[in-house]
Amino acid sequence: MATSESWSDPERCPFCGARLASPGAGFVDHTAESPDCEAKFETWRDRISDDVTGGWSG
């Protein structure tokens, strides 16, 4: 996480703190353009995958 253990600003990347173009699609675009953030996001998804009943919808 950029500055804390919780993501409190949806307009910034929780991994590097960069400003996002938008909270949803902007985050997806950012991870596609930032290999480091994409890797951190995939690690996060792997860690919580058992907590998401039915898996990811998107």
PDB file of N, CA and C in Angstrom:
ATOM      1  N   MET A   1       0.834  -1.173   0.000  1.00  0.00           N
ATOM      2  CA  MET A   1       0.000   0.000   0.000  1.00  0.00           C
ATOM      3  C   MET A   1       0.882   1.240   0.000  1.00  0.00           C
ATOM      4  N   ALA A   2       0.361   2.291  -0.541  1.00  0.00           N
ATOM      5  CA  ALA A   2       1.155   3.493  -0.694  1.00  0.00           C
ATOM      6  C   ALA A   2       1.539   4.121   0.653  1.00  0.00           C
ATOM      7  N   THR A   3       0.568   4.457   1.476  1.00  0.00           N
ATOM      8  CA  THR A   3       0.892   5.144   2.719  1.00  0.00           C
ATOM      9  C   THR A   3       0.257   4.521   3.944  1.00  0.00           C
ATOM     10  N   SER A   4      -0.657   3.574   3.776  1.00  0.00           N
ATOM     11  CA  SER A   4      -1.303   2.948   4.921  1.00  0.00           C
ATOM     12  C   SER A   4      -1.746   1.542   4.542  1.00  0.00           C
ATOM     13  N   GLU A   5      -2.318   0.850   5.498  1.00  0.00           N
ATOM     14  CA  GLU A   5      -2.794  -0.507   5.245  1.00  0.00           C
ATOM     15  C   GLU A   5      -4.219  -0.523   4.702  1.00  0.00           C
ATOM     16  N   SER A   6      -4.862   0.625   4.562  1.00  0.00           N
ATOM     17  CA  SER A   6      -6.215   0.673   4.005  1.00  0.00           C
ATOM     18  C   SER A   6      -6.262   1.685   2.872  1.00  0.00           C
ATOM     19  N   TRP A   7      -7.115   1.393   1.924  1.00  0.00           N
ATOM     20  CA  TRP A   7      -7.264   2.254   0.752  1.00  0.00           C
ATOM     21  C   TRP A   7      -8.341   3.271   1.073  1.00  0.00           C
ATOM     22  N   SER A   8      -7.961   4.498   1.332  1.00  0.00           N
ATOM     23  CA  SER A   8      -8.917   5.512   1.766  1.00  0.00           C
ATOM     24  C   SER A   8      -9.241   6.541   0.690  1.00  0.00           C
ATOM     25  N   ASP A   9      -8.542   6.527  -0.435  1.00  0.00           N
ATOM     26  CA  ASP A   9      -8.779   7.507  -1.496  1.00  0.00           C
ATOM     27  C   ASP A   9      -8.913   6.778  -2.831  1.00  0.00           C
ATOM     28  N   PRO A  10     -10.150   6.550  -3.291  1.00  0.00           N
ATOM     29  CA  PRO A  10     -10.348   5.801  -4.532  1.00  0.00           C
ATOM     30  C   PRO A  10      -9.851   6.514  -5.788  1.00  0.00           C
ATOM     31  N   GLU A  11      -9.409   7.755  -5.650  1.00  0.00           N
ATOM     32  CA  GLU A  11      -8.870   8.476  -6.800  1.00  0.00           C
ATOM     33  C   GLU A  11      -7.353   8.358  -6.884  1.00  0.00           C
ATOM     34  N   ARG A  12      -6.766   7.540  -6.002  1.00  0.00           N
ATOM     35  CA  ARG A  12      -5.320   7.289  -6.012  1.00  0.00           C
ATOM     36  C   ARG A  12      -5.067   5.796  -5.958  1.00  0.00           C
ATOM     37  N   CYS A  13      -4.005   5.358  -6.610  1.00  0.00           N
ATOM     38  CA  CYS A  13      -3.634   3.949  -6.589  1.00  0.00           C
ATOM     39  C   CYS A  13      -3.236   3.564  -5.165  1.00  0.00           C
ATOM     40  N   PRO A  14      -3.787   2.473  -4.635  1.00  0.00           N
ATOM     41  CA  PRO A  14      -3.429   2.078  -3.280  1.00  0.00           C
ATOM     42  C   PRO A  14      -2.008   1.528  -3.168  1.00  0.00           C
ATOM     43  N   PHE A  15      -1.376   1.227  -4.288  1.00  0.00           N
ATOM     44  CA  PHE A  15      -0.050   0.627  -4.272  1.00  0.00           C
ATOM     45  C   PHE A  15       1.076   1.641  -4.450  1.00  0.00           C
ATOM     46  N   CYS A  16       0.840   2.682  -5.247  1.00  0.00           N
ATOM     47  CA  CYS A  16       1.911   3.659  -5.482  1.00  0.00           C
ATOM     48  C   CYS A  16       1.497   5.091  -5.156  1.00  0.00           C
ATOM     49  N   GLY A  17       0.200   5.318  -4.963  1.00  0.00           N
ATOM     50  CA  GLY A  17      -0.280   6.653  -4.625  1.00  0.00           C
ATOM     51  C   GLY A  17      -0.525   7.562  -5.811  1.00  0.00           C
ATOM     52  N   ALA A  18      -0.336   7.055  -7.038  1.00  0.00           N
ATOM     53  CA  ALA A  18      -0.555   7.886  -8.228  1.00  0.00           C
ATOM     54  C   ALA A  18      -2.027   8.256  -8.364  1.00  0.00           C
ATOM     55  N   ARG A  19      -2.282   9.459  -8.879  1.00  0.00           N
ATOM     56  CA  ARG A  19      -3.656   9.890  -9.124  1.00  0.00           C
ATOM     57  C   ARG A  19      -4.225   9.080 -10.285  1.00  0.00           C
ATOM     58  N   LEU A  20      -5.477   8.614 -10.129  1.00  0.00           N
ATOM     59  CA  LEU A  20      -6.146   7.832 -11.160  1.00  0.00           C
ATOM     60  C   LEU A  20      -7.091   8.716 -11.950  1.00  0.00           C
ATOM     61  N   ALA A  21      -7.288   8.403 -13.216  1.00  0.00           N
ATOM     62  CA  ALA A  21      -8.208   9.169 -14.056  1.00  0.00           C
ATOM     63  C   ALA A  21      -9.642   9.027 -13.555  1.00  0.00           C
ATOM     64  N   SER A  22      -9.967   7.872 -12.998  1.00  0.00           N
ATOM     65  CA  SER A  22     -11.268   7.616 -12.387  1.00  0.00           C
ATOM     66  C   SER A  22     -11.109   6.457 -11.413  1.00  0.00           C
ATOM     67  N   PRO A  23     -11.983   6.352 -10.428  1.00  0.00           N
ATOM     68  CA  PRO A  23     -11.835   5.298  -9.432  1.00  0.00           C
ATOM     69  C   PRO A  23     -11.969   3.867  -9.982  1.00  0.00           C
ATOM     70  N   GLY A  24     -12.775   3.639 -10.990  1.00  0.00           N
ATOM     71  CA  GLY A  24     -12.966   2.289 -11.518  1.00  0.00           C
ATOM     72  C   GLY A  24     -12.067   1.980 -12.690  1.00  0.00           C
ATOM     73  N   ALA A  25     -12.485   2.435 -13.850  1.00  0.00           N
ATOM     74  CA  ALA A  25     -11.738   2.173 -15.078  1.00  0.00           C
ATOM     75  C   ALA A  25     -10.331   2.774 -15.019  1.00  0.00           C
ATOM     76  N   GLY A  26     -10.190   3.872 -14.327  1.00  0.00           N
ATOM     77  CA  GLY A  26      -8.872   4.493 -14.197  1.00  0.00           C
ATOM     78  C   GLY A  26      -7.892   3.594 -13.460  1.00  0.00           C
ATOM     79  N   PHE A  27      -8.387   2.853 -12.467  1.00  0.00           N
ATOM     80  CA  PHE A  27      -7.524   1.922 -11.752  1.00  0.00           C
ATOM     81  C   PHE A  27      -7.113   0.776 -12.667  1.00  0.00           C
ATOM     82  N   VAL A  28      -8.053   0.253 -13.430  1.00  0.00           N
ATOM     83  CA  VAL A  28      -7.761  -0.835 -14.373  1.00  0.00           C
ATOM     84  C   VAL A  28      -6.734  -0.368 -15.402  1.00  0.00           C
ATOM     85  N   ASP A  29      -6.938   0.825 -15.947  1.00  0.00           N
ATOM     86  CA  ASP A  29      -5.983   1.378 -16.921  1.00  0.00           C
ATOM     87  C   ASP A  29      -4.606   1.555 -16.289  1.00  0.00           C
ATOM     88  N   HIS A  30      -4.592   2.056 -15.066  1.00  0.00           N
ATOM     89  CA  HIS A  30      -3.315   2.286 -14.372  1.00  0.00           C
ATOM     90  C   HIS A  30      -2.549   0.984 -14.187  1.00  0.00           C
ATOM     91  N   THR A  31      -3.231  -0.067 -13.738  1.00  0.00           N
ATOM     92  CA  THR A  31      -2.524  -1.334 -13.524  1.00  0.00           C
ATOM     93  C   THR A  31      -2.038  -1.918 -14.845  1.00  0.00           C
ATOM     94  N   ALA A  32      -2.767  -1.663 -15.928  1.00  0.00           N
ATOM     95  CA  ALA A  32      -2.322  -2.142 -17.247  1.00  0.00           C
ATOM     96  C   ALA A  32      -1.054  -1.410 -17.701  1.00  0.00           C
ATOM     97  N   GLU A  33      -0.873  -0.175 -17.239  1.00  0.00           N
ATOM     98  CA  GLU A  33       0.277   0.636 -17.636  1.00  0.00           C
ATOM     99  C   GLU A  33       1.428   0.581 -16.635  1.00  0.00           C
ATOM    100  N   SER A  34       1.180   0.021 -15.451  1.00  0.00           N
ATOM    101  CA  SER A  34       2.196  -0.020 -14.405  1.00  0.00           C
ATOM    102  C   SER A  34       2.420  -1.470 -13.967  1.00  0.00           C
ATOM    103  N   PRO A  35       3.447  -2.124 -14.511  1.00  0.00           N
ATOM    104  CA  PRO A  35       3.702  -3.533 -14.173  1.00  0.00           C
ATOM    105  C   PRO A  35       3.867  -3.774 -12.670  1.00  0.00           C
ATOM    106  N   ASP A  36       4.478  -2.843 -11.956  1.00  0.00           N
ATOM    107  CA  ASP A  36       4.669  -3.014 -10.516  1.00  0.00           C
ATOM    108  C   ASP A  36       3.322  -3.027  -9.789  1.00  0.00           C
ATOM    109  N   CYS A  37       2.442  -2.087 -10.123  1.00  0.00           N
ATOM    110  CA  CYS A  37       1.123  -2.032  -9.485  1.00  0.00           C
ATOM    111  C   CYS A  37       0.270  -3.224  -9.904  1.00  0.00           C
ATOM    112  N   GLU A  38       0.401  -3.645 -11.144  1.00  0.00           N
ATOM    113  CA  GLU A  38      -0.342  -4.814 -11.605  1.00  0.00           C
ATOM    114  C   GLU A  38       0.074  -6.053 -10.811  1.00  0.00           C
ATOM    115  N   ALA A  39       1.357  -6.220 -10.589  1.00  0.00           N
ATOM    116  CA  ALA A  39       1.854  -7.363  -9.819  1.00  0.00           C
ATOM    117  C   ALA A  39       1.357  -7.301  -8.373  1.00  0.00           C
ATOM    118  N   LYS A  40       1.377  -6.119  -7.780  1.00  0.00           N
ATOM    119  CA  LYS A  40       0.892  -5.967  -6.407  1.00  0.00           C
ATOM    120  C   LYS A  40      -0.610  -6.236  -6.330  1.00  0.00           C
ATOM    121  N   PHE A  41      -1.358  -5.799  -7.339  1.00  0.00           N
ATOM    122  CA  PHE A  41      -2.803  -6.050  -7.381  1.00  0.00           C
ATOM    123  C   PHE A  41      -3.084  -7.547  -7.507  1.00  0.00           C
ATOM    124  N   GLU A  42      -2.350  -8.236  -8.359  1.00  0.00           N
ATOM    125  CA  GLU A  42      -2.545  -9.682  -8.527  1.00  0.00           C
ATOM    126  C   GLU A  42      -2.196 -10.428  -7.239  1.00  0.00           C
ATOM    127  N   THR A  43      -1.153 -10.007  -6.549  1.00  0.00           N
ATOM    128  CA  THR A  43      -0.804 -10.609  -5.264  1.00  0.00           C
ATOM    129  C   THR A  43      -1.934 -10.405  -4.268  1.00  0.00           C
ATOM    130  N   TRP A  44      -2.479  -9.203  -4.220  1.00  0.00           N
ATOM    131  CA  TRP A  44      -3.603  -8.898  -3.329  1.00  0.00           C
ATOM    132  C   TRP A  44      -4.800  -9.779  -3.664  1.00  0.00           C
ATOM    133  N   ARG A  45      -5.132  -9.890  -4.959  1.00  0.00           N
ATOM    134  CA  ARG A  45      -6.271 -10.733  -5.370  1.00  0.00           C
ATOM    135  C   ARG A  45      -6.058 -12.181  -4.968  1.00  0.00           C
ATOM    136  N   ASP A  46      -4.846 -12.692  -5.141  1.00  0.00           N
ATOM    137  CA  ASP A  46      -4.548 -14.066  -4.749  1.00  0.00           C
ATOM    138  C   ASP A  46      -4.744 -14.272  -3.248  1.00  0.00           C
ATOM    139  N   ARG A  47      -4.345 -13.302  -2.470  1.00  0.00           N
ATOM    140  CA  ARG A  47      -4.437 -13.408  -1.013  1.00  0.00           C
ATOM    141  C   ARG A  47      -5.872 -13.390  -0.512  1.00  0.00           C
ATOM    142  N   ILE A  48      -6.772 -12.676  -1.208  1.00  0.00           N
ATOM    143  CA  ILE A  48      -8.149 -12.596  -0.722  1.00  0.00           C
ATOM    144  C   ILE A  48      -9.113 -13.478  -1.509  1.00  0.00           C
ATOM    145  N   SER A  49      -8.621 -14.233  -2.468  1.00  0.00           N
ATOM    146  CA  SER A  49      -9.517 -15.006  -3.344  1.00  0.00           C
ATOM    147  C   SER A  49     -10.424 -15.960  -2.573  1.00  0.00           C
ATOM    148  N   ASP A  50      -9.968 -16.519  -1.470  1.00  0.00           N
ATOM    149  CA  ASP A  50     -10.811 -17.415  -0.677  1.00  0.00           C
ATOM    150  C   ASP A  50     -11.902 -16.659   0.082  1.00  0.00           C
ATOM    151  N   ASP A  51     -11.740 -15.354   0.212  1.00  0.00           N
ATOM    152  CA  ASP A  51     -12.732 -14.535   0.926  1.00  0.00           C
ATOM    153  C   ASP A  51     -13.870 -14.081   0.017  1.00  0.00           C
ATOM    154  N   VAL A  52     -13.717 -14.218  -1.303  1.00  0.00           N
ATOM    155  CA  VAL A  52     -14.712 -13.753  -2.263  1.00  0.00           C
ATOM    156  C   VAL A  52     -15.510 -14.964  -2.738  1.00  0.00           C
ATOM    157  N   THR A  53     -16.674 -15.154  -2.121  1.00  0.00           N
ATOM    158  CA  THR A  53     -17.523 -16.283  -2.463  1.00  0.00           C
ATOM    159  C   THR A  53     -17.953 -16.200  -3.922  1.00  0.00           C
ATOM    160  N   GLY A  54     -17.761 -17.278  -4.669  1.00  0.00           N
ATOM    161  CA  GLY A  54     -18.166 -17.298  -6.069  1.00  0.00           C
ATOM    162  C   GLY A  54     -17.136 -16.700  -7.007  1.00  0.00           C
ATOM    163  N   GLY A  55     -16.031 -16.211  -6.492  1.00  0.00           N
ATOM    164  CA  GLY A  55     -14.976 -15.651  -7.343  1.00  0.00           C
ATOM    165  C   GLY A  55     -15.280 -14.231  -7.780  1.00  0.00           C
ATOM    166  N   TRP A  56     -14.481 -13.765  -8.723  1.00  0.00           N
ATOM    167  CA  TRP A  56     -14.600 -12.399  -9.236  1.00  0.00           C
ATOM    168  C   TRP A  56     -15.587 -12.368 -10.389  1.00  0.00           C
ATOM    169  N   SER A  57     -16.420 -11.351 -10.409  1.00  0.00           N
ATOM    170  CA  SER A  57     -17.393 -11.211 -11.496  1.00  0.00           C
ATOM    171  C   SER A  57     -16.811 -10.486 -12.692  1.00  0.00           C
ATOM    172  N   GLY A  58     -15.754  -9.727 -12.505  1.00  0.00           N
ATOM    173  CA  GLY A  58     -15.220  -8.931 -13.598  1.00  0.00           C
ATOM    174  C   GLY A  58     -13.940  -9.439 -14.013  1.00  0.00           C
TER     175      GLY A  58
END
